[in-house]
Amino acid sequence: MEIFIYVFAALFSVINPLGAVPIFVGLTQDDTKEERSRISLWTAVNVFIILIISFFIGQYVLNFFGISIDALRIAGGLIILNSGFALLTGRFNKTRGVNKKVENDAQKRNDIALTPLAIPMLAGPGSMSLLIALYQDYEALNQQILVCIAIAAVAIVIFLVLRSANYLSRILGASGIVAISRIIGFIVIAIGVQYISSAVVNILKTLTTV
């Protein structure tokens, strides 16, 4: 249960679906309620698939390019740190890879569930690198099952948040979403620092034993 809670909290903080609410509302403002629900569902499904692939296949990609897990933790930690600082300063739209050009392109698409919503806005490099690193920490089958359940739970929350995006936008308002995102941003920064520090400690231990 501890593994589930940790993975769920870490993924939810890094992905921060609440921060995607204003963007989702803007991109789907001309769609019907049924269409918004469909987009929300397929966005969540796409995020789940992308994260599962990252968790199980990411290690083989690292091995192919000869990248160590500590190097990934440092690189992923820096990305997560950048996302955290962006949440604190209210610049999280830019770090999600969604700018005015992307928004204009998305308005012309028939389906925006995969891109830009699922990737890069939600399932970005931060969440992917986090899961690749977690694969090294949880090698037992029962642990990996718990991680997959946590990923599924995050996908369900994403669906619920996006489906209620218009309602949340009215209730919380822009200031409310920014306030919550800043609190989450602090947690995200802590996660990034933890991954970088653990990687540095492992590298120093390796050097001292040589």
C-alpha atoms as a PDB file:
ATOM      1  CA  MET A   1       0.000   0.000   0.000  1.00  0.00           C
ATOM      2  CA  GLU A   2       2.906   2.345   0.726  1.00  0.00           C
ATOM      3  CA  ILE A   3       4.239   1.800  -2.796  1.00  0.00           C
ATOM      4  CA  PHE A   4       0.840   2.630  -4.306  1.00  0.00           C
ATOM      5  CA  ILE A   5       0.486   5.832  -2.268  1.00  0.00           C
ATOM      6  CA  TYR A   6       4.040   6.978  -3.034  1.00  0.00           C
ATOM      7  CA  VAL A   7       3.832   6.317  -6.789  1.00  0.00           C
ATOM      8  CA  PHE A   8       0.345   7.820  -7.048  1.00  0.00           C
ATOM      9  CA  ALA A   9       1.327  10.962  -5.123  1.00  0.00           C
ATOM     10  CA  ALA A  10       4.568  11.408  -7.066  1.00  0.00           C
ATOM     11  CA  LEU A  11       2.925  10.901 -10.476  1.00  0.00           C
ATOM     12  CA  PHE A  12      -0.067  13.093  -9.643  1.00  0.00           C
ATOM     13  CA  SER A  13       2.228  15.885  -8.457  1.00  0.00           C
ATOM     14  CA  VAL A  14       4.482  15.736 -11.522  1.00  0.00           C
ATOM     15  CA  ILE A  15       1.609  15.445 -14.017  1.00  0.00           C
ATOM     16  CA  ASN A  16      -0.614  17.963 -12.156  1.00  0.00           C
ATOM     17  CA  PRO A  17      -3.872  17.475 -14.106  1.00  0.00           C
ATOM     18  CA  LEU A  18      -5.402  20.517 -12.376  1.00  0.00           C
ATOM     19  CA  GLY A  19      -2.874  22.702 -14.183  1.00  0.00           C
ATOM     20  CA  ALA A  20      -4.201  21.366 -17.478  1.00  0.00           C
ATOM     21  CA  VAL A  21      -7.764  22.511 -16.746  1.00  0.00           C
ATOM     22  CA  PRO A  22      -7.496  26.041 -18.264  1.00  0.00           C
ATOM     23  CA  ILE A  23      -5.812  24.663 -21.390  1.00  0.00           C
ATOM     24  CA  PHE A  24      -8.413  21.914 -21.776  1.00  0.00           C
ATOM     25  CA  VAL A  25     -11.262  24.405 -21.378  1.00  0.00           C
ATOM     26  CA  GLY A  26      -9.725  26.665 -24.008  1.00  0.00           C
ATOM     27  CA  LEU A  27      -9.143  23.867 -26.515  1.00  0.00           C
ATOM     28  CA  THR A  28     -12.642  22.388 -26.110  1.00  0.00           C
ATOM     29  CA  GLN A  29     -14.707  25.546 -25.719  1.00  0.00           C
ATOM     30  CA  ASP A  30     -16.603  24.882 -28.967  1.00  0.00           C
ATOM     31  CA  ASP A  31     -17.209  21.171 -28.271  1.00  0.00           C
ATOM     32  CA  THR A  32     -20.349  19.592 -26.859  1.00  0.00           C
ATOM     33  CA  LYS A  33     -20.454  18.027 -23.384  1.00  0.00           C
ATOM     34  CA  GLU A  34     -20.402  14.540 -24.924  1.00  0.00           C
ATOM     35  CA  GLU A  35     -17.382  15.408 -27.073  1.00  0.00           C
ATOM     36  CA  ARG A  36     -15.503  16.811 -24.057  1.00  0.00           C
ATOM     37  CA  SER A  37     -16.236  13.604 -22.148  1.00  0.00           C
ATOM     38  CA  ARG A  38     -14.926  11.522 -25.051  1.00  0.00           C
ATOM     39  CA  ILE A  39     -11.756  13.608 -25.290  1.00  0.00           C
ATOM     40  CA  SER A  40     -11.272  13.322 -21.514  1.00  0.00           C
ATOM     41  CA  LEU A  41     -11.621   9.526 -21.649  1.00  0.00           C
ATOM     42  CA  TRP A  42      -9.201   9.014 -24.530  1.00  0.00           C
ATOM     43  CA  THR A  43      -6.713  11.468 -23.062  1.00  0.00           C
ATOM     44  CA  ALA A  44      -6.670   9.413 -19.854  1.00  0.00           C
ATOM     45  CA  VAL A  45      -6.349   6.153 -21.834  1.00  0.00           C
ATOM     46  CA  ASN A  46      -3.468   7.558 -23.892  1.00  0.00           C
ATOM     47  CA  VAL A  47      -1.683   8.806 -20.763  1.00  0.00           C
ATOM     48  CA  PHE A  48      -2.074   5.359 -19.166  1.00  0.00           C
ATOM     49  CA  ILE A  49      -0.614   3.608 -22.227  1.00  0.00           C
ATOM     50  CA  ILE A  50       2.294   6.059 -22.529  1.00  0.00           C
ATOM     51  CA  LEU A  51       3.189   5.752 -18.837  1.00  0.00           C
ATOM     52  CA  ILE A  52       2.947   1.951 -18.843  1.00  0.00           C
ATOM     53  CA  ILE A  53       5.226   1.777 -21.894  1.00  0.00           C
ATOM     54  CA  SER A  54       7.665   4.170 -20.218  1.00  0.00           C
ATOM     55  CA  PHE A  55       7.706   2.041 -17.066  1.00  0.00           C
ATOM     56  CA  PHE A  56       8.378  -1.291 -18.756  1.00  0.00           C
ATOM     57  CA  ILE A  57      10.289  -0.323 -21.913  1.00  0.00           C
ATOM     58  CA  GLY A  58      12.269   2.691 -20.697  1.00  0.00           C
ATOM     59  CA  GLN A  59      15.075   0.624 -19.186  1.00  0.00           C
ATOM     60  CA  TYR A  60      15.768  -1.071 -22.519  1.00  0.00           C
ATOM     61  CA  VAL A  61      15.970   2.330 -24.213  1.00  0.00           C
ATOM     62  CA  LEU A  62      18.529   3.410 -21.617  1.00  0.00           C
ATOM     63  CA  ASN A  63      20.567   0.265 -22.190  1.00  0.00           C
ATOM     64  CA  PHE A  64      20.463   0.796 -25.961  1.00  0.00           C
ATOM     65  CA  PHE A  65      21.907   4.299 -25.641  1.00  0.00           C
ATOM     66  CA  GLY A  66      24.258   3.343 -22.804  1.00  0.00           C
ATOM     67  CA  ILE A  67      22.684   5.734 -20.289  1.00  0.00           C
ATOM     68  CA  SER A  68      23.049   4.874 -16.609  1.00  0.00           C
ATOM     69  CA  ILE A  69      20.104   5.012 -14.231  1.00  0.00           C
ATOM     70  CA  ASP A  70      21.869   7.660 -12.130  1.00  0.00           C
ATOM     71  CA  ALA A  71      22.315   9.858 -15.203  1.00  0.00           C
ATOM     72  CA  LEU A  72      18.607   9.446 -15.898  1.00  0.00           C
ATOM     73  CA  ARG A  73      17.731  10.354 -12.319  1.00  0.00           C
ATOM     74  CA  ILE A  74      19.797  13.539 -12.535  1.00  0.00           C
ATOM     75  CA  ALA A  75      18.361  14.513 -15.940  1.00  0.00           C
ATOM     76  CA  GLY A  76      14.827  13.602 -14.871  1.00  0.00           C
ATOM     77  CA  GLY A  77      15.314  15.406 -11.566  1.00  0.00           C
ATOM     78  CA  LEU A  78      16.338  18.576 -13.395  1.00  0.00           C
ATOM     79  CA  ILE A  79      13.241  18.355 -15.611  1.00  0.00           C
ATOM     80  CA  ILE A  80      11.035  17.769 -12.570  1.00  0.00           C
ATOM     81  CA  LEU A  81      12.708  20.698 -10.788  1.00  0.00           C
ATOM     82  CA  ASN A  82      12.024  22.929 -13.778  1.00  0.00           C
ATOM     83  CA  SER A  83       8.378  21.841 -13.776  1.00  0.00           C
ATOM     84  CA  GLY A  84       8.144  22.509 -10.048  1.00  0.00           C
ATOM     85  CA  PHE A  85       9.574  26.014 -10.346  1.00  0.00           C
ATOM     86  CA  ALA A  86       7.248  26.669 -13.286  1.00  0.00           C
ATOM     87  CA  LEU A  87       4.281  25.679 -11.103  1.00  0.00           C
ATOM     88  CA  LEU A  88       5.470  27.993  -8.331  1.00  0.00           C
ATOM     89  CA  THR A  89       5.839  30.936 -10.694  1.00  0.00           C
ATOM     90  CA  GLY A  90       2.679  30.258 -12.705  1.00  0.00           C
ATOM     91  CA  ARG A  91       4.535  29.435 -15.937  1.00  0.00           C
ATOM     92  CA  PHE A  92       3.406  25.805 -16.133  1.00  0.00           C
ATOM     93  CA  ASN A  93       1.691  26.224 -19.527  1.00  0.00           C
ATOM     94  CA  LYS A  94       5.054  26.839 -21.200  1.00  0.00           C
ATOM     95  CA  THR A  95       6.741  23.830 -19.585  1.00  0.00           C
ATOM     96  CA  ARG A  96       3.961  21.564 -20.830  1.00  0.00           C
ATOM     97  CA  GLY A  97       4.983  22.214 -24.412  1.00  0.00           C
ATOM     98  CA  VAL A  98       1.789  24.143 -25.112  1.00  0.00           C
ATOM     99  CA  ASN A  99       2.291  27.579 -26.621  1.00  0.00           C
ATOM    100  CA  LYS A 100       0.082  29.750 -28.820  1.00  0.00           C
ATOM    101  CA  LYS A 101       1.214  27.971 -31.977  1.00  0.00           C
ATOM    102  CA  VAL A 102       0.378  24.563 -30.493  1.00  0.00           C
ATOM    103  CA  GLU A 103      -3.010  25.806 -29.290  1.00  0.00           C
ATOM    104  CA  ASN A 104      -3.842  27.168 -32.751  1.00  0.00           C
ATOM    105  CA  ASP A 105      -2.815  23.859 -34.322  1.00  0.00           C
ATOM    106  CA  ALA A 106      -4.892  21.936 -31.790  1.00  0.00           C
ATOM    107  CA  GLN A 107      -7.979  23.999 -32.635  1.00  0.00           C
ATOM    108  CA  LYS A 108      -7.746  22.664 -36.205  1.00  0.00           C
ATOM    109  CA  ARG A 109      -7.426  19.010 -35.168  1.00  0.00           C
ATOM    110  CA  ASN A 110     -10.352  16.621 -35.122  1.00  0.00           C
ATOM    111  CA  ASP A 111      -8.887  14.797 -32.140  1.00  0.00           C
ATOM    112  CA  ILE A 112      -6.625  16.377 -29.519  1.00  0.00           C
ATOM    113  CA  ALA A 113      -6.693  13.500 -27.014  1.00  0.00           C
ATOM    114  CA  LEU A 114      -3.265  12.122 -27.964  1.00  0.00           C
ATOM    115  CA  THR A 115      -1.510  15.351 -28.817  1.00  0.00           C
ATOM    116  CA  PRO A 116      -1.222  17.897 -27.364  1.00  0.00           C
ATOM    117  CA  LEU A 117      -3.283  16.751 -24.337  1.00  0.00           C
ATOM    118  CA  ALA A 118      -1.820  13.319 -23.490  1.00  0.00           C
ATOM    119  CA  ILE A 119       1.652  14.134 -24.760  1.00  0.00           C
ATOM    120  CA  PRO A 120       3.428  16.421 -24.063  1.00  0.00           C
ATOM    121  CA  MET A 121       0.986  18.266 -21.784  1.00  0.00           C
ATOM    122  CA  LEU A 122       0.314  15.459 -19.272  1.00  0.00           C
ATOM    123  CA  ALA A 123       2.638  12.526 -19.991  1.00  0.00           C
ATOM    124  CA  GLY A 124       5.797  14.558 -20.411  1.00  0.00           C
ATOM    125  CA  PRO A 125       9.499  13.803 -19.923  1.00  0.00           C
ATOM    126  CA  GLY A 126       9.249  14.377 -16.166  1.00  0.00           C
ATOM    127  CA  SER A 127       6.673  11.641 -15.550  1.00  0.00           C
ATOM    128  CA  MET A 128       8.360   9.300 -18.035  1.00  0.00           C
ATOM    129  CA  SER A 129      11.796   9.614 -16.427  1.00  0.00           C
ATOM    130  CA  LEU A 130      10.208   9.189 -12.994  1.00  0.00           C
ATOM    131  CA  LEU A 131       8.663   5.863 -14.021  1.00  0.00           C
ATOM    132  CA  ILE A 132      11.830   4.611 -15.703  1.00  0.00           C
ATOM    133  CA  ALA A 133      13.702   5.255 -12.452  1.00  0.00           C
ATOM    134  CA  LEU A 134      10.948   3.580 -10.418  1.00  0.00           C
ATOM    135  CA  TYR A 135      11.348   0.414 -12.479  1.00  0.00           C
ATOM    136  CA  GLN A 136      14.808   0.055 -10.963  1.00  0.00           C
ATOM    137  CA  ASP A 137      13.438   0.501  -7.440  1.00  0.00           C
ATOM    138  CA  TYR A 138      10.536  -1.940  -7.789  1.00  0.00           C
ATOM    139  CA  GLU A 139      11.730  -5.072  -9.548  1.00  0.00           C
ATOM    140  CA  ALA A 140       9.459  -7.588  -7.774  1.00  0.00           C
ATOM    141  CA  LEU A 141       6.306  -8.596  -9.651  1.00  0.00           C
ATOM    142  CA  ASN A 142       3.915  -7.613  -6.843  1.00  0.00           C
ATOM    143  CA  GLN A 143       5.597  -4.192  -6.623  1.00  0.00           C
ATOM    144  CA  GLN A 144       5.286  -3.637 -10.363  1.00  0.00           C
ATOM    145  CA  ILE A 145       1.609  -4.570 -10.207  1.00  0.00           C
ATOM    146  CA  LEU A 146       1.106  -1.910  -7.524  1.00  0.00           C
ATOM    147  CA  VAL A 147       2.883   0.651  -9.715  1.00  0.00           C
ATOM    148  CA  CYS A 148       0.593  -0.242 -12.633  1.00  0.00           C
ATOM    149  CA  ILE A 149      -2.459   0.144 -10.372  1.00  0.00           C
ATOM    150  CA  ALA A 150      -1.161   3.544  -9.258  1.00  0.00           C
ATOM    151  CA  ILE A 151      -0.708   4.579 -12.907  1.00  0.00           C
ATOM    152  CA  ALA A 152      -4.278   3.448 -13.634  1.00  0.00           C
ATOM    153  CA  ALA A 153      -5.536   5.441 -10.615  1.00  0.00           C
ATOM    154  CA  VAL A 154      -3.761   8.573 -11.883  1.00  0.00           C
ATOM    155  CA  ALA A 155      -5.314   8.042 -15.326  1.00  0.00           C
ATOM    156  CA  ILE A 156      -8.777   7.777 -13.729  1.00  0.00           C
ATOM    157  CA  VAL A 157      -8.173  11.027 -11.818  1.00  0.00           C
ATOM    158  CA  ILE A 158      -7.066  12.705 -15.055  1.00  0.00           C
ATOM    159  CA  PHE A 159     -10.313  11.583 -16.705  1.00  0.00           C
ATOM    160  CA  LEU A 160     -12.422  12.895 -13.812  1.00  0.00           C
ATOM    161  CA  VAL A 161     -10.562  16.207 -13.667  1.00  0.00           C
ATOM    162  CA  LEU A 162     -10.768  16.856 -17.416  1.00  0.00           C
ATOM    163  CA  ARG A 163     -14.396  15.766 -17.585  1.00  0.00           C
ATOM    164  CA  SER A 164     -15.179  18.280 -14.813  1.00  0.00           C
ATOM    165  CA  ALA A 165     -12.807  20.910 -16.232  1.00  0.00           C
ATOM    166  CA  ASN A 166     -15.496  23.485 -17.032  1.00  0.00           C
ATOM    167  CA  TYR A 167     -17.054  23.057 -13.593  1.00  0.00           C
ATOM    168  CA  LEU A 168     -13.673  23.252 -11.825  1.00  0.00           C
ATOM    169  CA  SER A 169     -12.730  26.296 -13.859  1.00  0.00           C
ATOM    170  CA  ARG A 170     -15.867  28.096 -12.689  1.00  0.00           C
ATOM    171  CA  ILE A 171     -15.549  27.002  -9.054  1.00  0.00           C
ATOM    172  CA  LEU A 172     -11.809  27.477  -8.536  1.00  0.00           C
ATOM    173  CA  GLY A 173     -11.186  30.213 -11.071  1.00  0.00           C
ATOM    174  CA  ALA A 174      -7.755  31.000 -12.454  1.00  0.00           C
ATOM    175  CA  SER A 175      -6.446  32.156  -9.073  1.00  0.00           C
ATOM    176  CA  GLY A 176      -7.603  28.972  -7.337  1.00  0.00           C
ATOM    177  CA  ILE A 177      -5.956  26.711  -9.901  1.00  0.00           C
ATOM    178  CA  VAL A 178      -2.725  28.713  -9.678  1.00  0.00           C
ATOM    179  CA  ALA A 179      -2.775  28.506  -5.869  1.00  0.00           C
ATOM    180  CA  ILE A 180      -3.214  24.724  -5.892  1.00  0.00           C
ATOM    181  CA  SER A 181      -0.575  24.362  -8.599  1.00  0.00           C
ATOM    182  CA  ARG A 182       1.919  26.312  -6.501  1.00  0.00           C
ATOM    183  CA  ILE A 183       1.382  23.970  -3.553  1.00  0.00           C
ATOM    184  CA  ILE A 184       1.868  20.988  -5.873  1.00  0.00           C
ATOM    185  CA  GLY A 185       4.910  22.733  -7.336  1.00  0.00           C
ATOM    186  CA  PHE A 186       6.635  22.681  -3.957  1.00  0.00           C
ATOM    187  CA  ILE A 187       6.087  18.907  -3.735  1.00  0.00           C
ATOM    188  CA  VAL A 188       7.374  18.471  -7.295  1.00  0.00           C
ATOM    189  CA  ILE A 189      10.561  20.382  -6.446  1.00  0.00           C
ATOM    190  CA  ALA A 190      11.105  18.113  -3.434  1.00  0.00           C
ATOM    191  CA  ILE A 191      10.722  15.042  -5.678  1.00  0.00           C
ATOM    192  CA  GLY A 192      13.238  16.443  -8.159  1.00  0.00           C
ATOM    193  CA  VAL A 193      15.755  17.231  -5.412  1.00  0.00           C
ATOM    194  CA  GLN A 194      15.343  13.737  -3.965  1.00  0.00           C
ATOM    195  CA  TYR A 195      16.060  12.076  -7.319  1.00  0.00           C
ATOM    196  CA  ILE A 196      19.110  14.222  -7.991  1.00  0.00           C
ATOM    197  CA  SER A 197      20.518  13.754  -4.472  1.00  0.00           C
ATOM    198  CA  SER A 198      20.016   9.970  -4.539  1.00  0.00           C
ATOM    199  CA  ALA A 199      21.800   9.769  -7.909  1.00  0.00           C
ATOM    200  CA  VAL A 200      24.700  11.909  -6.676  1.00  0.00           C
ATOM    201  CA  VAL A 201      25.041   9.748  -3.541  1.00  0.00           C
ATOM    202  CA  ASN A 202      25.142   6.572  -5.662  1.00  0.00           C
ATOM    203  CA  ILE A 203      27.774   8.067  -7.965  1.00  0.00           C
ATOM    204  CA  LEU A 204      29.934   9.128  -4.991  1.00  0.00           C
ATOM    205  CA  LYS A 205      29.644   5.653  -3.450  1.00  0.00           C
ATOM    206  CA  THR A 206      30.753   4.115  -6.741  1.00  0.00           C
ATOM    207  CA  LEU A 207      33.757   6.457  -6.955  1.00  0.00           C
ATOM    208  CA  THR A 208      34.844   5.772  -3.369  1.00  0.00           C
ATOM    209  CA  THR A 209      34.736   2.006  -3.892  1.00  0.00           C
ATOM    210  CA  VAL A 210      36.873   2.136  -7.030  1.00  0.00           C
END
